[in-house]
Protein backbone atom coordinates (compact mmCIF):
# COMPACT_ATOMS: atom_id res chain seq x y z
CA UNK A 1 -23.33 -45.53 36.72
CA UNK A 2 -21.00 -43.05 35.55
CA UNK A 3 -24.65 -41.22 36.89
CA UNK A 4 -25.21 -42.24 39.86
CA UNK A 5 -22.09 -41.45 40.98
CA UNK A 6 -21.97 -38.15 40.45
CA UNK A 7 -25.61 -37.44 41.23
CA UNK A 8 -24.45 -39.41 44.54
CA UNK A 9 -21.59 -37.27 45.32
CA UNK A 10 -23.38 -33.85 43.97
CA UNK A 11 -25.78 -34.45 46.98
CA UNK A 12 -22.76 -34.75 49.85
CA UNK A 13 -21.04 -31.79 48.07
CA UNK A 14 -23.71 -29.53 47.07
CA UNK A 15 -26.55 -30.67 49.14
CA UNK A 16 -26.24 -29.89 53.53
CA UNK A 17 -29.33 -30.86 54.71
CA UNK A 18 -28.03 -34.97 53.79
CA UNK A 19 -25.15 -36.44 56.70
CA UNK A 20 -22.50 -37.10 54.67
CA UNK A 21 -23.11 -33.14 53.90
CA UNK A 22 -23.31 -32.31 56.35
CA UNK A 23 -20.77 -34.52 57.78
CA UNK A 24 -18.31 -32.81 53.87
CA UNK A 25 -19.26 -29.10 55.42
CA UNK A 26 -17.77 -29.83 58.83
CA UNK A 27 -14.48 -31.35 57.54
CA UNK A 28 -14.61 -28.25 54.65
CA UNK A 29 -14.95 -25.69 57.73
CA UNK A 30 -12.40 -27.29 59.51
CA UNK A 31 -9.67 -27.49 56.29
CA UNK A 32 -11.09 -23.10 55.62
CA UNK A 33 -10.79 -21.76 59.83
CA UNK A 34 -7.34 -24.22 59.39
CA UNK A 35 -5.99 -22.28 56.41
CA UNK A 36 -7.21 -19.16 58.04
CA UNK A 37 -4.15 -19.10 60.80
CA UNK A 38 -1.77 -20.65 58.63
CA UNK A 39 -1.90 -17.46 57.44
CA UNK A 40 -2.18 -15.31 60.40
CA UNK A 41 0.53 -17.61 61.71
CA UNK A 42 2.67 -16.71 58.67
CA UNK A 43 2.60 -12.89 58.53
CA UNK A 44 4.01 -12.93 62.59
CA UNK A 45 7.49 -12.64 61.85
CA UNK A 46 9.31 -15.08 64.34
CA UNK A 47 5.87 -17.32 63.64
CA UNK A 48 7.50 -17.65 59.63
CA UNK A 49 11.33 -17.53 61.34
CA UNK A 50 10.91 -20.55 63.34
CA UNK A 51 7.95 -22.27 61.25
CA UNK A 52 8.52 -21.06 57.77
CA UNK A 53 9.34 -24.43 56.39
CA UNK A 54 6.41 -26.20 58.64
CA UNK A 55 3.92 -23.80 57.77
CA UNK A 56 4.72 -24.39 54.00
CA UNK A 57 4.15 -27.71 53.71
CA UNK A 58 0.75 -27.45 56.15
CA UNK A 59 -0.06 -24.80 53.03
CA UNK A 60 0.58 -27.13 49.78
CA UNK A 61 -1.74 -29.85 52.24
CA UNK A 62 -3.78 -27.84 52.55
CA UNK A 63 -3.80 -26.35 48.82
CA UNK A 64 -3.83 -30.44 47.48
CA UNK A 65 -7.21 -30.60 49.56
CA UNK A 66 -9.42 -27.50 47.80
CA UNK A 67 -7.68 -28.52 44.65
CA UNK A 68 -9.26 -31.74 44.11
CA UNK A 69 -12.22 -30.41 45.97
CA UNK A 70 -12.62 -27.86 43.34
CA UNK A 71 -11.76 -30.36 40.46
CA UNK A 72 -14.54 -32.74 42.41
CA UNK A 73 -16.92 -30.16 42.38
CA UNK A 74 -16.63 -29.50 38.32
CA UNK A 75 -17.16 -32.85 37.22
CA UNK A 76 -19.94 -32.98 39.30
CA UNK A 77 -21.91 -30.35 38.20
CA UNK A 78 -23.51 -31.32 34.59
CA UNK A 79 -22.47 -27.21 33.89
CA UNK A 80 -19.23 -26.83 35.03
CA UNK A 81 -18.61 -23.41 33.60
CA UNK A 82 -21.45 -21.87 35.26
CA UNK A 83 -20.05 -23.10 38.66
CA UNK A 84 -16.56 -21.66 37.57
CA UNK A 85 -17.95 -18.36 36.35
CA UNK A 86 -20.28 -18.54 40.00
CA UNK A 87 -19.32 -15.85 42.63
CA UNK A 88 -18.57 -19.26 44.76
CA UNK A 89 -16.93 -20.83 42.11
CA UNK A 90 -13.99 -17.57 42.06
CA UNK A 91 -13.77 -17.51 45.56
CA UNK A 92 -13.18 -21.48 45.59
CA UNK A 93 -10.40 -20.28 42.18
CA UNK A 94 -8.15 -17.46 44.64
CA UNK A 95 -7.86 -19.76 47.18
CA UNK A 96 -5.64 -22.29 45.58
CA UNK A 97 -3.91 -20.01 42.61
CA UNK A 98 -1.57 -18.31 44.14
CA UNK A 99 0.56 -20.95 45.71
CA UNK A 100 0.94 -22.31 42.28
CA UNK A 101 1.02 -19.04 41.19
CA UNK A 102 4.41 -19.26 43.18
CA UNK A 103 5.78 -21.85 42.01
CA UNK A 104 6.18 -19.90 38.25
CA UNK A 105 6.23 -16.51 39.28
CA UNK A 106 9.62 -15.43 40.95
CA UNK A 107 8.43 -12.97 43.52
CA UNK A 108 5.27 -13.93 43.29
CA UNK A 109 5.05 -14.58 47.05
CA UNK A 110 3.13 -11.33 47.62
CA UNK A 111 0.08 -12.97 46.08
CA UNK A 112 -0.19 -15.82 48.74
CA UNK A 113 -1.99 -12.63 51.04
CA UNK A 114 -4.91 -13.78 48.57
CA UNK A 115 -4.59 -17.39 50.32
CA UNK A 116 -6.59 -15.08 53.14
CA UNK A 117 -9.76 -15.19 50.58
CA UNK A 118 -10.54 -18.34 51.71
CA UNK A 119 -12.54 -17.29 54.66
CA UNK A 120 -14.94 -16.13 52.47
CA UNK A 121 -15.58 -19.76 52.04
CA UNK A 122 -17.02 -19.86 54.80
CA UNK A 123 -20.16 -18.30 53.58
CA UNK A 124 -21.03 -21.61 51.89
CA UNK A 125 -21.65 -23.44 55.35
CA UNK A 126 -22.87 -20.66 56.47
CA UNK A 127 -26.05 -22.09 54.85
CA UNK A 128 -26.84 -24.69 57.17
CA UNK A 129 -28.43 -21.98 59.22
CA UNK A 130 -31.63 -22.62 57.09
CA UNK A 131 -32.06 -25.51 59.29
CA UNK A 132 -33.46 -23.49 62.45
CA UNK A 133 -36.56 -21.25 61.83
CA UNK A 134 -34.10 -18.28 63.44
CA UNK A 135 -31.54 -18.43 60.72
CA UNK A 136 -34.72 -18.50 58.08
CA UNK A 137 -36.06 -15.05 59.99
CA UNK A 138 -32.93 -13.77 60.39
CA UNK A 139 -31.46 -14.10 56.36
CA UNK A 140 -35.25 -12.57 55.04
CA UNK A 141 -35.86 -9.38 57.08
CA UNK A 142 -31.83 -8.62 56.57
CA UNK A 143 -32.80 -9.25 52.55
CA UNK A 144 -36.36 -7.56 52.61
CA UNK A 145 -34.73 -4.64 54.72
CA UNK A 146 -31.63 -3.51 52.11
CA UNK A 147 -33.52 -1.48 50.91
CA UNK A 148 -34.64 0.71 53.76
CA UNK A 149 -31.33 0.43 55.54
CA UNK A 150 -29.77 1.92 51.79
CA UNK A 151 -32.42 5.26 51.96
CA UNK A 152 -31.32 5.73 55.65
CA UNK A 153 -27.76 5.12 54.88
CA UNK A 154 -27.87 7.74 52.42
CA UNK A 155 -29.98 10.35 54.80
CA UNK A 156 -26.59 9.42 56.95
CA UNK A 157 -24.56 10.65 54.01
CA UNK A 158 -26.40 13.75 53.89
CA UNK A 159 -26.85 14.42 57.20
CA UNK A 160 -23.05 14.08 58.18
CA UNK A 161 -21.80 16.81 55.07
CA UNK A 162 -24.15 18.95 56.41
CA UNK A 163 -22.43 18.42 60.04
CA UNK A 164 -19.34 18.63 58.54
CA UNK A 165 -19.42 21.91 56.50
CA UNK A 166 -21.98 23.68 60.23
CA UNK A 167 -18.40 23.00 61.54
CA UNK A 168 -16.13 24.12 58.89
CA UNK A 169 -17.69 27.39 59.38
CA UNK A 170 -18.42 27.58 63.40
CA UNK A 171 -14.54 26.13 64.00
CA UNK A 172 -12.71 27.12 61.00
CA UNK A 173 -9.15 26.01 60.30
CA UNK A 174 -6.98 27.24 63.51
CA UNK A 175 -9.27 24.38 65.62
CA UNK A 176 -7.91 21.84 63.46
CA UNK A 177 -11.04 21.43 61.36
CA UNK A 178 -8.86 22.82 58.47
CA UNK A 179 -11.09 21.63 55.42
CA UNK A 180 -15.41 20.46 54.77
CA UNK A 181 -13.71 16.82 53.98
CA UNK A 182 -12.09 16.95 57.67
CA UNK A 183 -14.89 18.33 59.24
CA UNK A 184 -16.97 15.61 57.87
CA UNK A 185 -14.99 12.93 58.75
CA UNK A 186 -15.54 14.89 62.54
CA UNK A 187 -18.79 14.51 62.25
CA UNK A 188 -18.45 10.25 61.15
CA UNK A 189 -16.99 9.63 64.57
CA UNK A 190 -19.15 12.15 66.52
CA UNK A 191 -22.16 10.55 65.13
CA UNK A 192 -21.36 7.39 65.16
CA UNK A 193 -20.39 7.55 69.33
CA UNK A 194 -16.79 6.71 68.52
CA UNK A 195 -15.04 9.78 69.88
CA UNK A 196 -11.09 9.46 68.84
CA UNK A 197 -10.56 13.65 70.27
CA UNK A 198 -7.86 14.15 67.40
CA UNK A 199 -9.97 17.53 66.46
CA UNK A 200 -12.42 19.23 69.30
CA UNK A 201 -14.41 21.98 68.53
CA UNK A 202 -13.35 24.65 70.99
CA UNK A 203 -15.73 27.85 70.43
CA UNK A 204 -19.06 27.30 72.66
CA UNK A 205 -21.24 27.31 69.68
CA UNK A 206 -19.31 24.05 68.10
CA UNK A 207 -19.24 22.50 71.57
CA UNK A 208 -23.07 23.11 72.30
CA UNK A 209 -23.49 21.09 67.93
CA UNK A 210 -21.06 18.47 68.93
CA UNK A 211 -23.58 17.37 72.25
CA UNK A 212 -26.58 17.84 69.88
CA UNK A 213 -24.43 15.50 67.54
CA UNK A 214 -23.44 13.11 70.45
CA UNK A 215 -27.33 12.74 72.05
CA UNK A 216 -28.84 12.07 67.99
CA UNK A 217 -25.91 9.06 67.53
CA UNK A 218 -27.14 6.98 69.93
CA UNK A 219 -30.65 7.81 68.24
CA UNK A 220 -29.57 7.07 65.19
CA UNK A 221 -27.27 3.85 66.35
CA UNK A 222 -31.01 2.06 66.62
CA UNK A 223 -32.16 2.62 63.43
CA UNK A 224 -30.75 0.17 61.41
CA UNK A 225 -31.82 -2.75 64.52
CA UNK A 226 -35.43 -1.58 64.86
CA UNK A 227 -35.76 -2.07 60.95
CA UNK A 228 -34.06 -5.69 61.49
CA UNK A 229 -35.83 -6.14 63.89
CA UNK A 230 -39.42 -5.50 62.12
CA UNK A 231 -38.39 -7.65 59.09
CA UNK A 232 -38.10 -10.66 61.54
CA UNK A 233 -41.64 -10.24 63.08
CA UNK A 234 -43.05 -10.11 59.82
CA UNK A 235 -40.44 -13.12 58.40
CA UNK A 236 -42.30 -16.35 57.72
CA UNK A 237 -41.61 -17.69 54.03
CA UNK A 238 -38.91 -21.34 55.40
CA UNK A 239 -36.27 -22.20 52.70
CA UNK A 240 -34.35 -25.80 52.18
CA UNK A 241 -30.64 -26.00 51.01
CA UNK A 242 -31.00 -27.24 48.22
CA UNK A 243 -29.28 -26.16 45.51
CA UNK A 244 -30.11 -26.90 41.81
CA UNK A 245 -27.99 -29.30 40.07
CA UNK A 246 -29.01 -26.71 36.34
CA UNK A 247 -28.01 -23.41 37.66
CA UNK A 248 -26.66 -23.58 41.49
CA UNK A 249 -29.44 -21.42 42.21
CA UNK A 250 -30.06 -22.00 46.47
CA UNK A 251 -33.36 -20.62 48.09
CA UNK A 252 -36.04 -22.43 47.00
CA UNK A 253 -39.31 -22.99 49.49
CA UNK A 254 -39.19 -26.21 51.81
CA UNK A 255 -41.20 -28.42 49.43
CA UNK A 256 -40.29 -27.54 46.21
CA UNK A 257 -39.40 -30.06 43.46
CA UNK A 258 -38.38 -27.86 40.81
CA UNK A 259 -36.10 -25.07 40.89
CA UNK A 260 -38.04 -21.28 40.85
CA UNK A 261 -34.80 -19.55 38.59
CA UNK A 262 -34.72 -21.81 35.71
CA UNK A 263 -37.70 -24.71 36.60
CA UNK A 264 -35.27 -27.55 36.98
CA UNK A 265 -35.75 -30.65 38.77
CA UNK A 266 -34.06 -30.47 42.11
CA UNK A 267 -32.36 -33.03 43.90
CA UNK A 268 -35.00 -34.74 46.39
CA UNK A 269 -34.67 -37.36 48.64
CA UNK A 270 -37.47 -39.87 50.09
């Protein structure tokens, strides 16, 4: 009976493709957003002065809910320590820990800023994007693009170093390019078309190079978009929302009956 009860709550808490699981995720998402909103309001001095007491009560209300949820997750999984040491397990713990620390350690109020990490918990809810083909394609495309984009970013780093060094040699300290790191900063700002304007080339050669970098920036910005778009067009693998009860691994095939990470049987519903 206890095992059946744990399996039932496991499906509600960890699975996102059941009516109860969807409802649980919606409530969780609402509380996450409300908790982040409370942290933002608390950072406003006028709001904190007038409504600090109410914000404190609300903070404890949210903390109690997240604590109960955290304990339930530990209870329903087969290997609690695996969940506790996982990425989401650590984030869930950090979401509730600062409030309790503030009770016992004087001056620990600054740790409450860590509550903003609750925003990371939204990543757990975003797995509902797998319900759509678009969500699947985008996720697969981003994963497939990591290597190409990493190589692209490395090439950009080399390019801004070369441009920055060249501009330092052209303009020099008398025109605001006081050192190579500052010149590299200018190259990044210009290449990305941000253009703060805090450093400006004064010589004709420098202005010509700046113009070239600006035009080059428009072409470079389009490259990552093209890489991801190409992968989106070829992404066809459909994933399900099942979470392995043994290792908590996700992203299984849509019709998978066993975990492709540890081989354990998945919780499947008829």
